[in-house]
Amino acid sequence: MRLEKVFAIKFASLYPMYLKKAECKGRTQAELDRVIAWLTGYSAEGLRAQIGSEHDLECFFAQAPAFNPNAVLIKGVVCGVRVEEVEHPLMRKIRQLDKLVDELAKGKALEKIMRQ
């Protein structure tokens, strides 16, 4: 898939997929929201506003209040790609979010997911 197509994905359409993945593995919406908030700096209200909007991933990340500086500690493979080796800054942020959701779904402790 071309980068432009990935960036154009609506966050509101992606969020339910993240939620389903987490809930299928016994995790909660609150845990998912907490992980997303840790990465992006969105408050609960801000995240709800993004979910209710038509913003694409590019806008979602551009409007993020404070992208967590510890995101550089997110390492590993998502969809066969090493997160830390992704060169495009926006694509790296998308992959970092994907990796956090994967870790949540795999049962990893929130403190470890949030690199604490």
PDB file of N, CA and C in Angstrom:
ATOM      1  N   MET A   1       0.840  -1.178   0.000  1.00  0.00           N
ATOM      2  CA  MET A   1       0.000   0.000   0.000  1.00  0.00           C
ATOM      3  C   MET A   1       0.888   1.244   0.000  1.00  0.00           C
ATOM      4  N   ARG A   2       0.534   2.214  -0.812  1.00  0.00           N
ATOM      5  CA  ARG A   2       1.308   3.452  -0.882  1.00  0.00           C
ATOM      6  C   ARG A   2       1.112   4.267   0.384  1.00  0.00           C
ATOM      7  N   LEU A   3       2.138   5.037   0.732  1.00  0.00           N
ATOM      8  CA  LEU A   3       2.099   5.840   1.951  1.00  0.00           C
ATOM      9  C   LEU A   3       0.898   6.772   1.979  1.00  0.00           C
ATOM     10  N   GLU A   4       0.583   7.393   0.846  1.00  0.00           N
ATOM     11  CA  GLU A   4      -0.532   8.336   0.809  1.00  0.00           C
ATOM     12  C   GLU A   4      -1.841   7.664   1.215  1.00  0.00           C
ATOM     13  N   LYS A   5      -2.017   6.418   0.807  1.00  0.00           N
ATOM     14  CA  LYS A   5      -3.237   5.689   1.165  1.00  0.00           C
ATOM     15  C   LYS A   5      -3.280   5.389   2.660  1.00  0.00           C
ATOM     16  N   VAL A   6      -2.147   5.029   3.226  1.00  0.00           N
ATOM     17  CA  VAL A   6      -2.078   4.741   4.662  1.00  0.00           C
ATOM     18  C   VAL A   6      -2.389   6.008   5.446  1.00  0.00           C
ATOM     19  N   PHE A   7      -1.784   7.111   5.056  1.00  0.00           N
ATOM     20  CA  PHE A   7      -1.976   8.370   5.769  1.00  0.00           C
ATOM     21  C   PHE A   7      -3.425   8.851   5.683  1.00  0.00           C
ATOM     22  N   ALA A   8      -4.133   8.456   4.638  1.00  0.00           N
ATOM     23  CA  ALA A   8      -5.512   8.894   4.420  1.00  0.00           C
ATOM     24  C   ALA A   8      -6.543   8.046   5.175  1.00  0.00           C
ATOM     25  N   ILE A   9      -6.092   6.979   5.826  1.00  0.00           N
ATOM     26  CA  ILE A   9      -7.026   6.145   6.601  1.00  0.00           C
ATOM     27  C   ILE A   9      -7.603   6.994   7.729  1.00  0.00           C
ATOM     28  N   LYS A  10      -8.903   6.933   7.896  1.00  0.00           N
ATOM     29  CA  LYS A  10      -9.581   7.694   8.959  1.00  0.00           C
ATOM     30  C   LYS A  10      -9.307   7.017  10.304  1.00  0.00           C
ATOM     31  N   PHE A  11      -8.894   7.824  11.280  1.00  0.00           N
ATOM     32  CA  PHE A  11      -8.655   7.270  12.606  1.00  0.00           C
ATOM     33  C   PHE A  11      -9.937   6.650  13.155  1.00  0.00           C
ATOM     34  N   ALA A  12     -11.076   7.261  12.851  1.00  0.00           N
ATOM     35  CA  ALA A  12     -12.368   6.749  13.329  1.00  0.00           C
ATOM     36  C   ALA A  12     -12.665   5.355  12.785  1.00  0.00           C
ATOM     37  N   SER A  13     -12.114   5.002  11.642  1.00  0.00           N
ATOM     38  CA  SER A  13     -12.328   3.652  11.107  1.00  0.00           C
ATOM     39  C   SER A  13     -11.284   2.669  11.641  1.00  0.00           C
ATOM     40  N   LEU A  14     -10.132   3.169  12.044  1.00  0.00           N
ATOM     41  CA  LEU A  14      -9.072   2.319  12.566  1.00  0.00           C
ATOM     42  C   LEU A  14      -9.282   1.984  14.042  1.00  0.00           C
ATOM     43  N   TYR A  15      -9.779   2.945  14.803  1.00  0.00           N
ATOM     44  CA  TYR A  15      -9.958   2.761  16.249  1.00  0.00           C
ATOM     45  C   TYR A  15     -10.805   1.525  16.585  1.00  0.00           C
ATOM     46  N   PRO A  16     -11.960   1.300  15.924  1.00  0.00           N
ATOM     47  CA  PRO A  16     -12.733   0.091  16.256  1.00  0.00           C
ATOM     48  C   PRO A  16     -11.964  -1.211  16.019  1.00  0.00           C
ATOM     49  N   MET A  17     -11.071  -1.202  15.047  1.00  0.00           N
ATOM     50  CA  MET A  17     -10.252  -2.394  14.798  1.00  0.00           C
ATOM     51  C   MET A  17      -9.254  -2.609  15.934  1.00  0.00           C
ATOM     52  N   TYR A  18      -8.649  -1.518  16.390  1.00  0.00           N
ATOM     53  CA  TYR A  18      -7.757  -1.606  17.542  1.00  0.00           C
ATOM     54  C   TYR A  18      -8.531  -2.120  18.764  1.00  0.00           C
ATOM     55  N   LEU A  19      -9.718  -1.573  18.969  1.00  0.00           N
ATOM     56  CA  LEU A  19     -10.528  -1.959  20.120  1.00  0.00           C
ATOM     57  C   LEU A  19     -10.921  -3.433  20.047  1.00  0.00           C
ATOM     58  N   LYS A  20     -11.334  -3.880  18.893  1.00  0.00           N
ATOM     59  CA  LYS A  20     -11.717  -5.286  18.725  1.00  0.00           C
ATOM     60  C   LYS A  20     -10.528  -6.203  19.007  1.00  0.00           C
ATOM     61  N   LYS A  21      -9.363  -5.824  18.509  1.00  0.00           N
ATOM     62  CA  LYS A  21      -8.157  -6.628  18.735  1.00  0.00           C
ATOM     63  C   LYS A  21      -7.849  -6.720  20.225  1.00  0.00           C
ATOM     64  N   ALA A  22      -7.956  -5.591  20.922  1.00  0.00           N
ATOM     65  CA  ALA A  22      -7.673  -5.567  22.354  1.00  0.00           C
ATOM     66  C   ALA A  22      -8.718  -6.369  23.131  1.00  0.00           C
ATOM     67  N   GLU A  23      -9.992  -6.141  22.837  1.00  0.00           N
ATOM     68  CA  GLU A  23     -11.062  -6.808  23.586  1.00  0.00           C
ATOM     69  C   GLU A  23     -11.098  -8.309  23.337  1.00  0.00           C
ATOM     70  N   CYS A  24     -10.724  -8.738  22.140  1.00  0.00           N
ATOM     71  CA  CYS A  24     -10.682 -10.179  21.850  1.00  0.00           C
ATOM     72  C   CYS A  24      -9.657 -10.893  22.721  1.00  0.00           C
ATOM     73  N   LYS A  25      -8.691 -10.140  23.201  1.00  0.00           N
ATOM     74  CA  LYS A  25      -7.646 -10.710  24.047  1.00  0.00           C
ATOM     75  C   LYS A  25      -7.840 -10.371  25.518  1.00  0.00           C
ATOM     76  N   GLY A  26      -9.060  -9.904  25.861  1.00  0.00           N
ATOM     77  CA  GLY A  26      -9.376  -9.658  27.263  1.00  0.00           C
ATOM     78  C   GLY A  26      -8.950  -8.306  27.810  1.00  0.00           C
ATOM     79  N   ARG A  27      -8.554  -7.398  26.939  1.00  0.00           N
ATOM     80  CA  ARG A  27      -8.173  -6.061  27.388  1.00  0.00           C
ATOM     81  C   ARG A  27      -9.376  -5.132  27.260  1.00  0.00           C
ATOM     82  N   THR A  28      -9.304  -3.971  27.896  1.00  0.00           N
ATOM     83  CA  THR A  28     -10.461  -3.067  27.924  1.00  0.00           C
ATOM     84  C   THR A  28     -10.236  -1.835  27.050  1.00  0.00           C
ATOM     85  N   GLN A  29     -11.342  -1.152  26.770  1.00  0.00           N
ATOM     86  CA  GLN A  29     -11.269   0.095  26.022  1.00  0.00           C
ATOM     87  C   GLN A  29     -10.471   1.125  26.815  1.00  0.00           C
ATOM     88  N   ALA A  30     -10.634   1.134  28.125  1.00  0.00           N
ATOM     89  CA  ALA A  30      -9.887   2.069  28.965  1.00  0.00           C
ATOM     90  C   ALA A  30      -8.380   1.847  28.838  1.00  0.00           C
ATOM     91  N   GLU A  31      -7.965   0.594  28.770  1.00  0.00           N
ATOM     92  CA  GLU A  31      -6.535   0.299  28.610  1.00  0.00           C
ATOM     93  C   GLU A  31      -6.043   0.762  27.238  1.00  0.00           C
ATOM     94  N   LEU A  32      -6.830   0.508  26.206  1.00  0.00           N
ATOM     95  CA  LEU A  32      -6.464   0.959  24.867  1.00  0.00           C
ATOM     96  C   LEU A  32      -6.342   2.473  24.837  1.00  0.00           C
ATOM     97  N   ASP A  33      -7.328   3.152  25.385  1.00  0.00           N
ATOM     98  CA  ASP A  33      -7.311   4.615  25.403  1.00  0.00           C
ATOM     99  C   ASP A  33      -6.108   5.150  26.175  1.00  0.00           C
ATOM    100  N   ARG A  34      -5.761   4.483  27.247  1.00  0.00           N
ATOM    101  CA  ARG A  34      -4.617   4.908  28.058  1.00  0.00           C
ATOM    102  C   ARG A  34      -3.317   4.797  27.268  1.00  0.00           C
ATOM    103  N   VAL A  35      -3.178   3.727  26.508  1.00  0.00           N
ATOM    104  CA  VAL A  35      -1.979   3.522  25.695  1.00  0.00           C
ATOM    105  C   VAL A  35      -1.910   4.578  24.587  1.00  0.00           C
ATOM    106  N   ILE A  36      -3.031   4.844  23.937  1.00  0.00           N
ATOM    107  CA  ILE A  36      -3.056   5.859  22.879  1.00  0.00           C
ATOM    108  C   ILE A  36      -2.744   7.231  23.470  1.00  0.00           C
ATOM    109  N   ALA A  37      -3.309   7.517  24.633  1.00  0.00           N
ATOM    110  CA  ALA A  37      -3.065   8.804  25.294  1.00  0.00           C
ATOM    111  C   ALA A  37      -1.597   8.940  25.684  1.00  0.00           C
ATOM    112  N   TRP A  38      -0.995   7.865  26.154  1.00  0.00           N
ATOM    113  CA  TRP A  38       0.426   7.909  26.517  1.00  0.00           C
ATOM    114  C   TRP A  38       1.274   8.301  25.306  1.00  0.00           C
ATOM    115  N   LEU A  39       0.967   7.698  24.158  1.00  0.00           N
ATOM    116  CA  LEU A  39       1.757   7.948  22.957  1.00  0.00           C
ATOM    117  C   LEU A  39       1.523   9.342  22.389  1.00  0.00           C
ATOM    118  N   THR A  40       0.273   9.782  22.365  1.00  0.00           N
ATOM    119  CA  THR A  40      -0.088  11.001  21.634  1.00  0.00           C
ATOM    120  C   THR A  40      -0.331  12.225  22.499  1.00  0.00           C
ATOM    121  N   GLY A  41      -0.610  12.025  23.779  1.00  0.00           N
ATOM    122  CA  GLY A  41      -0.916  13.154  24.649  1.00  0.00           C
ATOM    123  C   GLY A  41      -2.375  13.568  24.625  1.00  0.00           C
ATOM    124  N   TYR A  42      -3.208  12.852  23.890  1.00  0.00           N
ATOM    125  CA  TYR A  42      -4.634  13.190  23.860  1.00  0.00           C
ATOM    126  C   TYR A  42      -5.271  12.924  25.218  1.00  0.00           C
ATOM    127  N   SER A  43      -6.126  13.835  25.653  1.00  0.00           N
ATOM    128  CA  SER A  43      -6.946  13.606  26.841  1.00  0.00           C
ATOM    129  C   SER A  43      -8.080  12.669  26.422  1.00  0.00           C
ATOM    130  N   ALA A  44      -8.853  12.197  27.395  1.00  0.00           N
ATOM    131  CA  ALA A  44      -9.999  11.341  27.086  1.00  0.00           C
ATOM    132  C   ALA A  44     -10.963  12.067  26.150  1.00  0.00           C
ATOM    133  N   GLU A  45     -11.206  13.345  26.433  1.00  0.00           N
ATOM    134  CA  GLU A  45     -12.120  14.131  25.599  1.00  0.00           C
ATOM    135  C   GLU A  45     -11.539  14.347  24.205  1.00  0.00           C
ATOM    136  N   GLY A  46     -10.254  14.625  24.151  1.00  0.00           N
ATOM    137  CA  GLY A  46      -9.598  14.836  22.864  1.00  0.00           C
ATOM    138  C   GLY A  46      -9.615  13.582  22.006  1.00  0.00           C
ATOM    139  N   LEU A  47      -9.403  12.439  22.638  1.00  0.00           N
ATOM    140  CA  LEU A  47      -9.440  11.179  21.908  1.00  0.00           C
ATOM    141  C   LEU A  47     -10.845  10.909  21.392  1.00  0.00           C
ATOM    142  N   ARG A  48     -11.861  11.136  22.214  1.00  0.00           N
ATOM    143  CA  ARG A  48     -13.257  10.956  21.779  1.00  0.00           C
ATOM    144  C   ARG A  48     -13.577  11.868  20.592  1.00  0.00           C
ATOM    145  N   ALA A  49     -13.074  13.101  20.649  1.00  0.00           N
ATOM    146  CA  ALA A  49     -13.301  14.039  19.544  1.00  0.00           C
ATOM    147  C   ALA A  49     -12.659  13.517  18.253  1.00  0.00           C
ATOM    148  N   GLN A  50     -11.465  12.959  18.361  1.00  0.00           N
ATOM    149  CA  GLN A  50     -10.796  12.409  17.181  1.00  0.00           C
ATOM    150  C   GLN A  50     -11.565  11.204  16.627  1.00  0.00           C
ATOM    151  N   ILE A  51     -12.060  10.364  17.520  1.00  0.00           N
ATOM    152  CA  ILE A  51     -12.823   9.187  17.091  1.00  0.00           C
ATOM    153  C   ILE A  51     -14.115   9.626  16.400  1.00  0.00           C
ATOM    154  N   GLY A  52     -14.699  10.714  16.858  1.00  0.00           N
ATOM    155  CA  GLY A  52     -15.942  11.215  16.273  1.00  0.00           C
ATOM    156  C   GLY A  52     -15.751  12.089  15.055  1.00  0.00           C
ATOM    157  N   SER A  53     -14.509  12.343  14.688  1.00  0.00           N
ATOM    158  CA  SER A  53     -14.241  13.220  13.547  1.00  0.00           C
ATOM    159  C   SER A  53     -13.968  12.399  12.290  1.00  0.00           C
ATOM    160  N   GLU A  54     -13.756  13.098  11.228  1.00  0.00           N
ATOM    161  CA  GLU A  54     -13.388  12.467   9.957  1.00  0.00           C
ATOM    162  C   GLU A  54     -11.901  12.617   9.677  1.00  0.00           C
ATOM    163  N   HIS A  55     -11.103  12.884  10.710  1.00  0.00           N
ATOM    164  CA  HIS A  55      -9.676  13.110  10.516  1.00  0.00           C
ATOM    165  C   HIS A  55      -8.952  11.837  10.096  1.00  0.00           C
ATOM    166  N   ASP A  56      -8.034  12.016   9.178  1.00  0.00           N
ATOM    167  CA  ASP A  56      -7.205  10.885   8.768  1.00  0.00           C
ATOM    168  C   ASP A  56      -6.017  10.760   9.724  1.00  0.00           C
ATOM    169  N   LEU A  57      -5.199   9.743   9.516  1.00  0.00           N
ATOM    170  CA  LEU A  57      -4.068   9.510  10.416  1.00  0.00           C
ATOM    171  C   LEU A  57      -3.070  10.657  10.401  1.00  0.00           C
ATOM    172  N   GLU A  58      -2.883  11.271   9.253  1.00  0.00           N
ATOM    173  CA  GLU A  58      -1.962  12.403   9.180  1.00  0.00           C
ATOM    174  C   GLU A  58      -2.438  13.531  10.089  1.00  0.00           C
ATOM    175  N   CYS A  59      -3.705  13.834  10.041  1.00  0.00           N
ATOM    176  CA  CYS A  59      -4.283  14.887  10.885  1.00  0.00           C
ATOM    177  C   CYS A  59      -4.287  14.458  12.357  1.00  0.00           C
ATOM    178  N   PHE A  60      -4.625  13.204  12.621  1.00  0.00           N
ATOM    179  CA  PHE A  60      -4.654  12.690  13.984  1.00  0.00           C
ATOM    180  C   PHE A  60      -3.310  12.899  14.669  1.00  0.00           C
ATOM    181  N   PHE A  61      -2.235  12.534  13.989  1.00  0.00           N
ATOM    182  CA  PHE A  61      -0.912  12.682  14.588  1.00  0.00           C
ATOM    183  C   PHE A  61      -0.442  14.136  14.584  1.00  0.00           C
ATOM    184  N   ALA A  62      -0.814  14.895  13.565  1.00  0.00           N
ATOM    185  CA  ALA A  62      -0.426  16.312  13.515  1.00  0.00           C
ATOM    186  C   ALA A  62      -1.072  17.097  14.655  1.00  0.00           C
ATOM    187  N   GLN A  63      -2.277  16.710  15.052  1.00  0.00           N
ATOM    188  CA  GLN A  63      -2.994  17.410  16.115  1.00  0.00           C
ATOM    189  C   GLN A  63      -2.702  16.840  17.504  1.00  0.00           C
ATOM    190  N   ALA A  64      -1.905  15.786  17.564  1.00  0.00           N
ATOM    191  CA  ALA A  64      -1.577  15.186  18.860  1.00  0.00           C
ATOM    192  C   ALA A  64      -0.934  16.232  19.762  1.00  0.00           C
ATOM    193  N   PRO A  65      -1.461  16.404  20.971  1.00  0.00           N
ATOM    194  CA  PRO A  65      -0.956  17.449  21.865  1.00  0.00           C
ATOM    195  C   PRO A  65       0.525  17.325  22.209  1.00  0.00           C
ATOM    196  N   ALA A  66       1.000  16.106  22.433  1.00  0.00           N
ATOM    197  CA  ALA A  66       2.398  15.936  22.853  1.00  0.00           C
ATOM    198  C   ALA A  66       2.824  14.508  22.587  1.00  0.00           C
ATOM    199  N   PHE A  67       3.453  14.278  21.450  1.00  0.00           N
ATOM    200  CA  PHE A  67       3.918  12.926  21.148  1.00  0.00           C
ATOM    201  C   PHE A  67       4.995  12.555  22.154  1.00  0.00           C
ATOM    202  N   ASN A  68       4.835  11.421  22.797  1.00  0.00           N
ATOM    203  CA  ASN A  68       5.694  11.025  23.906  1.00  0.00           C
ATOM    204  C   ASN A  68       7.148  10.849  23.457  1.00  0.00           C
ATOM    205  N   PRO A  69       8.091  11.518  24.122  1.00  0.00           N
ATOM    206  CA  PRO A  69       9.503  11.374  23.744  1.00  0.00           C
ATOM    207  C   PRO A  69      10.029   9.956  23.959  1.00  0.00           C
ATOM    208  N   ASN A  70       9.393   9.183  24.832  1.00  0.00           N
ATOM    209  CA  ASN A  70       9.815   7.796  25.055  1.00  0.00           C
ATOM    210  C   ASN A  70       9.355   6.860  23.945  1.00  0.00           C
ATOM    211  N   ALA A  71       8.677   7.383  22.945  1.00  0.00           N
ATOM    212  CA  ALA A  71       8.261   6.559  21.810  1.00  0.00           C
ATOM    213  C   ALA A  71       9.468   5.975  21.087  1.00  0.00           C
ATOM    214  N   VAL A  72      10.614   6.623  21.211  1.00  0.00           N
ATOM    215  CA  VAL A  72      11.831   6.084  20.573  1.00  0.00           C
ATOM    216  C   VAL A  72      12.217   4.735  21.173  1.00  0.00           C
ATOM    217  N   LEU A  73      11.681   4.419  22.340  1.00  0.00           N
ATOM    218  CA  LEU A  73      11.973   3.141  22.989  1.00  0.00           C
ATOM    219  C   LEU A  73      11.116   1.997  22.435  1.00  0.00           C
ATOM    220  N   ILE A  74      10.150   2.322  21.586  1.00  0.00           N
ATOM    221  CA  ILE A  74       9.280   1.295  20.990  1.00  0.00           C
ATOM    222  C   ILE A  74      10.060   0.621  19.876  1.00  0.00           C
ATOM    223  N   LYS A  75      10.307  -0.648  20.080  1.00  0.00           N
ATOM    224  CA  LYS A  75      11.079  -1.414  19.107  1.00  0.00           C
ATOM    225  C   LYS A  75      10.363  -2.729  18.835  1.00  0.00           C
ATOM    226  N   GLY A  76      10.667  -3.314  17.717  1.00  0.00           N
ATOM    227  CA  GLY A  76      10.088  -4.594  17.378  1.00  0.00           C
ATOM    228  C   GLY A  76       9.526  -4.595  15.977  1.00  0.00           C
ATOM    229  N   VAL A  77       8.846  -5.680  15.643  1.00  0.00           N
ATOM    230  CA  VAL A  77       8.346  -5.882  14.287  1.00  0.00           C
ATOM    231  C   VAL A  77       6.824  -5.785  14.262  1.00  0.00           C
ATOM    232  N   VAL A  78       6.323  -5.032  13.292  1.00  0.00           N
ATOM    233  CA  VAL A  78       4.890  -4.935  13.022  1.00  0.00           C
ATOM    234  C   VAL A  78       4.711  -5.150  11.523  1.00  0.00           C
ATOM    235  N   CYS A  79       3.895  -6.117  11.166  1.00  0.00           N
ATOM    236  CA  CYS A  79       3.642  -6.418   9.744  1.00  0.00           C
ATOM    237  C   CYS A  79       4.945  -6.659   8.985  1.00  0.00           C
ATOM    238  N   GLY A  80       5.890  -7.312   9.635  1.00  0.00           N
ATOM    239  CA  GLY A  80       7.148  -7.651   8.993  1.00  0.00           C
ATOM    240  C   GLY A  80       8.142  -6.507   8.868  1.00  0.00           C
ATOM    241  N   VAL A  81       7.837  -5.378   9.507  1.00  0.00           N
ATOM    242  CA  VAL A  81       8.703  -4.204   9.417  1.00  0.00           C
ATOM    243  C   VAL A  81       9.187  -3.830  10.809  1.00  0.00           C
ATOM    244  N   ARG A  82      10.484  -3.595  10.959  1.00  0.00           N
ATOM    245  CA  ARG A  82      11.035  -3.150  12.240  1.00  0.00           C
ATOM    246  C   ARG A  82      10.641  -1.699  12.462  1.00  0.00           C
ATOM    247  N   VAL A  83       9.924  -1.443  13.543  1.00  0.00           N
ATOM    248  CA  VAL A  83       9.401  -0.116  13.854  1.00  0.00           C
ATOM    249  C   VAL A  83      10.519   0.923  13.893  1.00  0.00           C
ATOM    250  N   GLU A  84      11.606   0.598  14.545  1.00  0.00           N
ATOM    251  CA  GLU A  84      12.694   1.563  14.720  1.00  0.00           C
ATOM    252  C   GLU A  84      13.452   1.869  13.431  1.00  0.00           C
ATOM    253  N   GLU A  85      13.209   1.094  12.375  1.00  0.00           N
ATOM    254  CA  GLU A  85      13.894   1.322  11.103  1.00  0.00           C
ATOM    255  C   GLU A  85      13.037   2.066  10.083  1.00  0.00           C
ATOM    256  N   VAL A  86      11.793   2.362  10.421  1.00  0.00           N
ATOM    257  CA  VAL A  86      10.915   3.087   9.497  1.00  0.00           C
ATOM    258  C   VAL A  86      11.437   4.515   9.370  1.00  0.00           C
ATOM    259  N   GLU A  87      11.722   4.927   8.146  1.00  0.00           N
ATOM    260  CA  GLU A  87      12.344   6.233   7.928  1.00  0.00           C
ATOM    261  C   GLU A  87      11.340   7.387   7.931  1.00  0.00           C
ATOM    262  N   HIS A  88      10.187   7.201   7.330  1.00  0.00           N
ATOM    263  CA  HIS A  88       9.216   8.295   7.237  1.00  0.00           C
ATOM    264  C   HIS A  88       8.644   8.568   8.631  1.00  0.00           C
ATOM    265  N   PRO A  89       8.756   9.792   9.139  1.00  0.00           N
ATOM    266  CA  PRO A  89       8.337  10.108  10.514  1.00  0.00           C
ATOM    267  C   PRO A  89       6.866   9.772  10.817  1.00  0.00           C
ATOM    268  N   LEU A  90       5.960  10.080   9.895  1.00  0.00           N
ATOM    269  CA  LEU A  90       4.547   9.785  10.143  1.00  0.00           C
ATOM    270  C   LEU A  90       4.297   8.278  10.129  1.00  0.00           C
ATOM    271  N   MET A  91       4.913   7.586   9.190  1.00  0.00           N
ATOM    272  CA  MET A  91       4.739   6.134   9.125  1.00  0.00           C
ATOM    273  C   MET A  91       5.305   5.484  10.375  1.00  0.00           C
ATOM    274  N   ARG A  92       6.412   6.008  10.904  1.00  0.00           N
ATOM    275  CA  ARG A  92       6.983   5.470  12.135  1.00  0.00           C
ATOM    276  C   ARG A  92       5.989   5.626  13.290  1.00  0.00           C
ATOM    277  N   LYS A  93       5.335   6.788  13.377  1.00  0.00           N
ATOM    278  CA  LYS A  93       4.348   7.006  14.438  1.00  0.00           C
ATOM    279  C   LYS A  93       3.184   6.029  14.312  1.00  0.00           C
ATOM    280  N   ILE A  94       2.735   5.797  13.088  1.00  0.00           N
ATOM    281  CA  ILE A  94       1.645   4.841  12.860  1.00  0.00           C
ATOM    282  C   ILE A  94       2.074   3.445  13.291  1.00  0.00           C
ATOM    283  N   ARG A  95       3.275   3.051  12.919  1.00  0.00           N
ATOM    284  CA  ARG A  95       3.789   1.723  13.299  1.00  0.00           C
ATOM    285  C   ARG A  95       4.001   1.612  14.802  1.00  0.00           C
ATOM    286  N   GLN A  96       4.414   2.705  15.436  1.00  0.00           N
ATOM    287  CA  GLN A  96       4.572   2.687  16.887  1.00  0.00           C
ATOM    288  C   GLN A  96       3.227   2.445  17.558  1.00  0.00           C
ATOM    289  N   LEU A  97       2.189   3.107  17.077  1.00  0.00           N
ATOM    290  CA  LEU A  97       0.857   2.886  17.632  1.00  0.00           C
ATOM    291  C   LEU A  97       0.419   1.443  17.398  1.00  0.00           C
ATOM    292  N   ASP A  98       0.644   0.924  16.199  1.00  0.00           N
ATOM    293  CA  ASP A  98       0.317  -0.473  15.903  1.00  0.00           C
ATOM    294  C   ASP A  98       1.032  -1.418  16.865  1.00  0.00           C
ATOM    295  N   LYS A  99       2.307  -1.148  17.123  1.00  0.00           N
ATOM    296  CA  LYS A  99       3.104  -2.001  18.017  1.00  0.00           C
ATOM    297  C   LYS A  99       2.552  -1.970  19.436  1.00  0.00           C
ATOM    298  N   LEU A 100       2.166  -0.784  19.920  1.00  0.00           N
ATOM    299  CA  LEU A 100       1.589  -0.689  21.268  1.00  0.00           C
ATOM    300  C   LEU A 100       0.295  -1.477  21.369  1.00  0.00           C
ATOM    301  N   VAL A 101      -0.540  -1.395  20.352  1.00  0.00           N
ATOM    302  CA  VAL A 101      -1.800  -2.150  20.355  1.00  0.00           C
ATOM    303  C   VAL A 101      -1.509  -3.647  20.321  1.00  0.00           C
ATOM    304  N   ASP A 102      -0.524  -4.060  19.534  1.00  0.00           N
ATOM    305  CA  ASP A 102      -0.120  -5.475  19.512  1.00  0.00           C
ATOM    306  C   ASP A 102       0.323  -5.941  20.895  1.00  0.00           C
ATOM    307  N   GLU A 103       1.143  -5.128  21.550  1.00  0.00           N
ATOM    308  CA  GLU A 103       1.634  -5.491  22.881  1.00  0.00           C
ATOM    309  C   GLU A 103       0.483  -5.578  23.878  1.00  0.00           C
ATOM    310  N   LEU A 104      -0.467  -4.667  23.782  1.00  0.00           N
ATOM    311  CA  LEU A 104      -1.642  -4.697  24.650  1.00  0.00           C
ATOM    312  C   LEU A 104      -2.417  -5.988  24.436  1.00  0.00           C
ATOM    313  N   ALA A 105      -2.643  -6.326  23.175  1.00  0.00           N
ATOM    314  CA  ALA A 105      -3.401  -7.533  22.847  1.00  0.00           C
ATOM    315  C   ALA A 105      -2.667  -8.810  23.266  1.00  0.00           C
ATOM    316  N   LYS A 106      -1.368  -8.751  23.336  1.00  0.00           N
ATOM    317  CA  LYS A 106      -0.586  -9.928  23.742  1.00  0.00           C
ATOM    318  C   LYS A 106      -0.496 -10.075  25.258  1.00  0.00           C
ATOM    319  N   GLY A 107      -1.118  -9.142  25.992  1.00  0.00           N
ATOM    320  CA  GLY A 107      -1.162  -9.272  27.440  1.00  0.00           C
ATOM    321  C   GLY A 107      -0.026  -8.623  28.193  1.00  0.00           C
ATOM    322  N   LYS A 108       0.767  -7.841  27.514  1.00  0.00           N
ATOM    323  CA  LYS A 108       1.886  -7.165  28.170  1.00  0.00           C
ATOM    324  C   LYS A 108       1.348  -6.159  29.190  1.00  0.00           C
ATOM    325  N   ALA A 109       2.035  -6.002  30.295  1.00  0.00           N
ATOM    326  CA  ALA A 109       1.624  -5.071  31.344  1.00  0.00           C
ATOM    327  C   ALA A 109       1.673  -3.632  30.825  1.00  0.00           C
ATOM    328  N   LEU A 110       0.714  -2.821  31.258  1.00  0.00           N
ATOM    329  CA  LEU A 110       0.643  -1.436  30.801  1.00  0.00           C
ATOM    330  C   LEU A 110       1.930  -0.664  31.087  1.00  0.00           C
ATOM    331  N   GLU A 111       2.540  -0.905  32.234  1.00  0.00           N
ATOM    332  CA  GLU A 111       3.772  -0.204  32.575  1.00  0.00           C
ATOM    333  C   GLU A 111       4.884  -0.502  31.570  1.00  0.00           C
ATOM    334  N   LYS A 112       4.932  -1.733  31.107  1.00  0.00           N
ATOM    335  CA  LYS A 112       5.948  -2.105  30.107  1.00  0.00           C
ATOM    336  C   LYS A 112       5.598  -1.535  28.735  1.00  0.00           C
ATOM    337  N   ILE A 113       4.315  -1.553  28.388  1.00  0.00           N
ATOM    338  CA  ILE A 113       3.891  -0.992  27.099  1.00  0.00           C
ATOM    339  C   ILE A 113       4.238   0.486  27.041  1.00  0.00           C
ATOM    340  N   MET A 114       4.036   1.170  28.158  1.00  0.00           N
ATOM    341  CA  MET A 114       4.274   2.607  28.215  1.00  0.00           C
ATOM    342  C   MET A 114       5.720   2.939  28.613  1.00  0.00           C
ATOM    343  N   ARG A 115       6.588   1.935  28.489  1.00  0.00           N
ATOM    344  CA  ARG A 115       8.034   2.117  28.688  1.00  0.00           C
ATOM    345  C   ARG A 115       8.359   2.825  29.993  1.00  0.00           C
ATOM    346  N   GLN A 116       7.774   2.328  31.089  1.00  0.00           N
ATOM    347  CA  GLN A 116       8.028   2.922  32.409  1.00  0.00           C
ATOM    348  C   GLN A 116       8.879   1.998  33.262  1.00  0.00           C
TER     349      GLN A 116
END
